[in-house]
Every structure is written in structure tokens, then in C-alpha cells.
Amino acid sequence: MTPDNNTAAFYKKLKEQLSDTSTWPAPYLYKFIVPSDATKIKQIEDIFDHTGAVINRKESRTGKYTSVSINVRMKDPDAVIEKYLEVGEVEGVISL
């Protein structure tokens, strides 16, 4: 995925904030909203496979969406952003 200018600016700012506020490696909490589709949820979980991540899922009241929270120790801000970009490839995902 090649980020557009707005996305690139967002991730540049995020990288600066993460560098300024944390000592790396550090735990990081990802939160995503995804349509309640087992395939899409599995795609997200597979991205964090073999990372020691703790993954929690919670379906919305109506069952249309699922919140996926992933708590994982990341080595640096670049690794955090890399995972966001990978998850961004999954159709319909909203990163919080």
C-alpha cells in the first residue's frame, strides 16, 4: 500500500508522537472496528500472529461490527506504523 499525502502526513506525525512519548520497545494498544465477518477478523489476527499479542473481540449490540483490540509489545514506532498499514489493506477496517 502506498499512502497518499494525507496518510503519509498522519503517520509521520504519529511516529513523532510515539518517539516523544515512549521508550521503545513498548507495549502498544491497537483498536480496530471491522464488519462482523470472520474472514476479515481472521485477516487482522493473522497480521499479529507470532507477535505475542493479546487480542480481544467484542461484537456491537446489533452484531454488524466487531471491535478488535490488540495489545502487543512493539520494537519501535516504525513497527507500529507498519502494522497499521498492513491492517489498512483489510477491506472495511476502521483504525481508532
N, C-alpha and C. Protein backbone atom coordinates (compact mmCIF):
# COMPACT_ATOMS: atom_id res chain seq x y z
N MET A 1 0.85 -1.18 0.00
CA MET A 1 0.00 0.00 0.00
C MET A 1 0.89 1.23 0.00
N THR A 2 0.62 2.14 -0.92
CA THR A 2 1.35 3.40 -0.95
C THR A 2 0.45 4.47 -0.34
N PRO A 3 0.83 5.03 0.80
CA PRO A 3 -0.02 6.01 1.44
C PRO A 3 -0.10 7.30 0.62
N ASP A 4 -1.30 7.92 0.61
CA ASP A 4 -1.42 9.21 -0.05
C ASP A 4 -0.81 10.28 0.85
N ASN A 5 -0.82 11.53 0.40
CA ASN A 5 -0.16 12.61 1.16
C ASN A 5 -0.75 12.79 2.55
N ASN A 6 -2.09 12.75 2.68
CA ASN A 6 -2.71 12.91 3.99
C ASN A 6 -2.33 11.77 4.92
N THR A 7 -2.35 10.57 4.40
CA THR A 7 -2.00 9.40 5.20
C THR A 7 -0.53 9.45 5.61
N ALA A 8 0.33 9.83 4.67
CA ALA A 8 1.76 9.93 4.97
C ALA A 8 2.01 10.97 6.06
N ALA A 9 1.33 12.10 5.98
CA ALA A 9 1.48 13.15 6.98
C ALA A 9 0.98 12.66 8.35
N PHE A 10 -0.14 11.93 8.35
CA PHE A 10 -0.68 11.40 9.59
C PHE A 10 0.32 10.47 10.26
N TYR A 11 0.90 9.53 9.49
CA TYR A 11 1.83 8.57 10.06
C TYR A 11 3.15 9.22 10.46
N LYS A 12 3.54 10.26 9.76
CA LYS A 12 4.76 10.99 10.15
C LYS A 12 4.55 11.64 11.53
N LYS A 13 3.38 12.25 11.70
CA LYS A 13 3.07 12.88 12.99
C LYS A 13 2.95 11.82 14.10
N LEU A 14 2.30 10.70 13.78
CA LEU A 14 2.18 9.62 14.76
C LEU A 14 3.55 9.12 15.18
N LYS A 15 4.44 8.93 14.22
CA LYS A 15 5.80 8.46 14.53
C LYS A 15 6.50 9.43 15.48
N GLU A 16 6.37 10.73 15.22
CA GLU A 16 6.99 11.73 16.10
C GLU A 16 6.41 11.65 17.50
N GLN A 17 5.07 11.54 17.60
CA GLN A 17 4.42 11.46 18.91
C GLN A 17 4.86 10.20 19.67
N LEU A 18 4.89 9.09 18.97
CA LEU A 18 5.31 7.84 19.63
C LEU A 18 6.76 7.92 20.09
N SER A 19 7.61 8.52 19.29
CA SER A 19 9.02 8.66 19.66
C SER A 19 9.19 9.55 20.88
N ASP A 20 8.36 10.59 20.96
CA ASP A 20 8.46 11.55 22.06
C ASP A 20 7.86 11.05 23.36
N THR A 21 6.88 10.14 23.28
CA THR A 21 6.14 9.77 24.49
C THR A 21 6.47 8.40 25.06
N SER A 22 7.25 7.60 24.35
CA SER A 22 7.52 6.24 24.82
C SER A 22 8.98 5.88 24.67
N THR A 23 9.42 4.96 25.52
CA THR A 23 10.74 4.38 25.40
C THR A 23 10.54 3.01 24.77
N TRP A 24 11.22 2.77 23.68
CA TRP A 24 10.99 1.55 22.89
C TRP A 24 12.03 0.49 23.18
N PRO A 25 11.67 -0.79 23.15
CA PRO A 25 10.36 -1.35 22.86
C PRO A 25 9.35 -1.04 23.95
N ALA A 26 8.06 -1.01 23.56
CA ALA A 26 7.00 -0.64 24.49
C ALA A 26 5.70 -1.35 24.09
N PRO A 27 4.81 -1.51 25.08
CA PRO A 27 3.50 -2.08 24.74
C PRO A 27 2.70 -1.05 23.94
N TYR A 28 1.87 -1.53 23.02
CA TYR A 28 1.04 -0.64 22.22
C TYR A 28 -0.33 -1.29 22.06
N LEU A 29 -1.37 -0.47 22.17
CA LEU A 29 -2.74 -0.96 22.04
C LEU A 29 -3.33 -0.47 20.72
N TYR A 30 -3.63 -1.41 19.85
CA TYR A 30 -4.32 -1.11 18.59
C TYR A 30 -5.80 -1.34 18.81
N LYS A 31 -6.63 -0.49 18.18
CA LYS A 31 -8.07 -0.71 18.22
C LYS A 31 -8.61 -0.54 16.80
N PHE A 32 -9.39 -1.53 16.39
CA PHE A 32 -9.98 -1.52 15.06
C PHE A 32 -11.46 -1.85 15.16
N ILE A 33 -12.23 -1.27 14.25
CA ILE A 33 -13.63 -1.63 14.07
C ILE A 33 -13.70 -2.29 12.70
N VAL A 34 -14.31 -3.47 12.64
CA VAL A 34 -14.38 -4.23 11.39
C VAL A 34 -15.79 -4.79 11.24
N PRO A 35 -16.31 -4.85 10.02
CA PRO A 35 -17.59 -5.53 9.84
C PRO A 35 -17.49 -6.95 10.41
N SER A 36 -18.57 -7.41 11.04
CA SER A 36 -18.55 -8.74 11.68
C SER A 36 -18.51 -9.83 10.61
N ASP A 37 -17.31 -10.04 10.09
CA ASP A 37 -17.06 -11.04 9.06
C ASP A 37 -15.84 -11.83 9.55
N ALA A 38 -16.05 -13.12 9.79
CA ALA A 38 -14.99 -13.95 10.37
C ALA A 38 -13.71 -13.91 9.55
N THR A 39 -13.84 -13.82 8.23
CA THR A 39 -12.66 -13.79 7.36
C THR A 39 -11.84 -12.52 7.60
N LYS A 40 -12.52 -11.39 7.71
CA LYS A 40 -11.82 -10.12 7.91
C LYS A 40 -11.18 -10.06 9.30
N ILE A 41 -11.88 -10.56 10.28
CA ILE A 41 -11.33 -10.58 11.64
C ILE A 41 -10.09 -11.48 11.67
N LYS A 42 -10.17 -12.63 11.00
CA LYS A 42 -9.02 -13.54 10.95
C LYS A 42 -7.84 -12.89 10.23
N GLN A 43 -8.09 -12.12 9.17
CA GLN A 43 -7.01 -11.43 8.46
C GLN A 43 -6.26 -10.51 9.43
N ILE A 44 -7.00 -9.78 10.25
CA ILE A 44 -6.36 -8.88 11.23
C ILE A 44 -5.57 -9.68 12.25
N GLU A 45 -6.18 -10.73 12.77
CA GLU A 45 -5.49 -11.56 13.77
C GLU A 45 -4.22 -12.18 13.18
N ASP A 46 -4.28 -12.59 11.93
CA ASP A 46 -3.11 -13.20 11.28
C ASP A 46 -1.95 -12.21 11.14
N ILE A 47 -2.26 -10.94 10.98
CA ILE A 47 -1.21 -9.91 10.89
C ILE A 47 -0.39 -9.86 12.17
N PHE A 48 -1.04 -10.15 13.30
CA PHE A 48 -0.36 -10.09 14.59
C PHE A 48 0.03 -11.47 15.11
N ASP A 49 -0.10 -12.49 14.26
CA ASP A 49 0.28 -13.85 14.63
C ASP A 49 1.78 -13.91 14.93
N HIS A 50 2.16 -14.66 15.92
CA HIS A 50 3.57 -14.85 16.32
C HIS A 50 4.22 -13.58 16.87
N THR A 51 3.41 -12.65 17.40
CA THR A 51 3.98 -11.43 17.99
C THR A 51 3.77 -11.39 19.50
N GLY A 52 3.07 -12.38 20.05
CA GLY A 52 2.77 -12.38 21.47
C GLY A 52 1.61 -11.46 21.81
N ALA A 53 0.83 -11.08 20.81
CA ALA A 53 -0.28 -10.15 21.01
C ALA A 53 -1.42 -10.79 21.78
N VAL A 54 -2.07 -9.96 22.61
CA VAL A 54 -3.29 -10.36 23.29
C VAL A 54 -4.42 -9.68 22.52
N ILE A 55 -5.31 -10.50 21.96
CA ILE A 55 -6.37 -9.99 21.09
C ILE A 55 -7.72 -10.21 21.75
N ASN A 56 -8.50 -9.12 21.82
CA ASN A 56 -9.85 -9.18 22.37
C ASN A 56 -10.83 -8.72 21.30
N ARG A 57 -11.96 -9.43 21.20
CA ARG A 57 -13.00 -9.07 20.25
C ARG A 57 -14.30 -8.80 21.00
N LYS A 58 -15.05 -7.80 20.51
CA LYS A 58 -16.36 -7.51 21.11
C LYS A 58 -17.30 -7.11 19.99
N GLU A 59 -18.36 -7.86 19.85
CA GLU A 59 -19.34 -7.58 18.81
C GLU A 59 -20.25 -6.43 19.25
N SER A 60 -20.66 -5.60 18.28
CA SER A 60 -21.57 -4.49 18.58
C SER A 60 -22.93 -5.04 18.99
N ARG A 61 -23.74 -4.18 19.55
CA ARG A 61 -25.05 -4.57 20.03
C ARG A 61 -25.89 -5.17 18.90
N THR A 62 -25.78 -4.59 17.70
CA THR A 62 -26.57 -5.07 16.56
C THR A 62 -25.90 -6.24 15.85
N GLY A 63 -24.63 -6.48 16.13
CA GLY A 63 -23.92 -7.58 15.52
C GLY A 63 -23.33 -7.25 14.15
N LYS A 64 -23.49 -6.01 13.70
CA LYS A 64 -22.96 -5.62 12.39
C LYS A 64 -21.45 -5.45 12.39
N TYR A 65 -20.91 -5.00 13.52
CA TYR A 65 -19.48 -4.70 13.61
C TYR A 65 -18.86 -5.41 14.80
N THR A 66 -17.55 -5.58 14.72
CA THR A 66 -16.78 -6.16 15.82
C THR A 66 -15.61 -5.24 16.11
N SER A 67 -15.41 -4.97 17.40
CA SER A 67 -14.26 -4.20 17.85
C SER A 67 -13.14 -5.21 18.13
N VAL A 68 -11.97 -4.94 17.57
CA VAL A 68 -10.82 -5.81 17.79
C VAL A 68 -9.73 -4.98 18.47
N SER A 69 -9.39 -5.33 19.70
CA SER A 69 -8.32 -4.65 20.45
C SER A 69 -7.13 -5.59 20.53
N ILE A 70 -5.97 -5.03 20.21
CA ILE A 70 -4.75 -5.85 20.18
C ILE A 70 -3.68 -5.17 21.02
N ASN A 71 -3.26 -5.84 22.07
CA ASN A 71 -2.22 -5.32 22.94
C ASN A 71 -0.95 -6.12 22.66
N VAL A 72 0.09 -5.42 22.21
CA VAL A 72 1.31 -6.12 21.80
C VAL A 72 2.53 -5.25 22.08
N ARG A 73 3.64 -5.88 22.36
CA ARG A 73 4.90 -5.16 22.57
C ARG A 73 5.55 -4.93 21.22
N MET A 74 5.80 -3.66 20.89
CA MET A 74 6.37 -3.30 19.60
C MET A 74 7.78 -2.77 19.80
N LYS A 75 8.65 -3.00 18.80
CA LYS A 75 10.06 -2.63 18.97
C LYS A 75 10.33 -1.15 18.77
N ASP A 76 9.54 -0.48 17.90
CA ASP A 76 9.75 0.95 17.67
C ASP A 76 8.55 1.54 16.93
N PRO A 77 8.48 2.87 16.81
CA PRO A 77 7.34 3.50 16.12
C PRO A 77 7.16 3.02 14.68
N ASP A 78 8.24 2.72 13.99
CA ASP A 78 8.13 2.23 12.61
C ASP A 78 7.37 0.90 12.56
N ALA A 79 7.61 0.04 13.54
CA ALA A 79 6.92 -1.25 13.60
C ALA A 79 5.43 -1.04 13.86
N VAL A 80 5.09 -0.07 14.70
CA VAL A 80 3.69 0.26 14.98
C VAL A 80 3.00 0.68 13.68
N ILE A 81 3.61 1.57 12.95
CA ILE A 81 3.03 2.10 11.71
C ILE A 81 2.94 1.00 10.65
N GLU A 82 3.93 0.14 10.60
CA GLU A 82 3.92 -0.96 9.63
C GLU A 82 2.67 -1.83 9.81
N LYS A 83 2.33 -2.12 11.08
CA LYS A 83 1.14 -2.94 11.35
C LYS A 83 -0.14 -2.19 10.95
N TYR A 84 -0.20 -0.88 11.22
CA TYR A 84 -1.37 -0.11 10.80
C TYR A 84 -1.54 -0.19 9.28
N LEU A 85 -0.45 -0.08 8.55
CA LEU A 85 -0.52 -0.15 7.09
C LEU A 85 -0.97 -1.53 6.62
N GLU A 86 -0.49 -2.57 7.28
CA GLU A 86 -0.90 -3.93 6.91
C GLU A 86 -2.40 -4.13 7.16
N VAL A 87 -2.88 -3.68 8.33
CA VAL A 87 -4.30 -3.84 8.65
C VAL A 87 -5.15 -2.97 7.72
N GLY A 88 -4.60 -1.85 7.28
CA GLY A 88 -5.32 -0.97 6.36
C GLY A 88 -5.66 -1.63 5.05
N GLU A 89 -4.99 -2.72 4.72
CA GLU A 89 -5.27 -3.47 3.49
C GLU A 89 -6.54 -4.30 3.60
N VAL A 90 -7.02 -4.54 4.83
CA VAL A 90 -8.23 -5.32 5.04
C VAL A 90 -9.43 -4.41 4.76
N GLU A 91 -10.29 -4.86 3.85
CA GLU A 91 -11.43 -4.03 3.43
C GLU A 91 -12.40 -3.76 4.57
N GLY A 92 -12.80 -2.49 4.72
CA GLY A 92 -13.81 -2.11 5.69
C GLY A 92 -13.32 -1.83 7.09
N VAL A 93 -12.03 -1.93 7.35
CA VAL A 93 -11.49 -1.72 8.69
C VAL A 93 -11.35 -0.24 8.99
N ILE A 94 -11.74 0.13 10.20
CA ILE A 94 -11.53 1.49 10.69
C ILE A 94 -10.54 1.40 11.84
N SER A 95 -9.44 2.15 11.73
CA SER A 95 -8.44 2.20 12.80
C SER A 95 -8.79 3.32 13.75
N LEU A 96 -8.75 3.03 15.03
CA LEU A 96 -9.04 4.07 16.04
C LEU A 96 -7.75 4.52 16.71
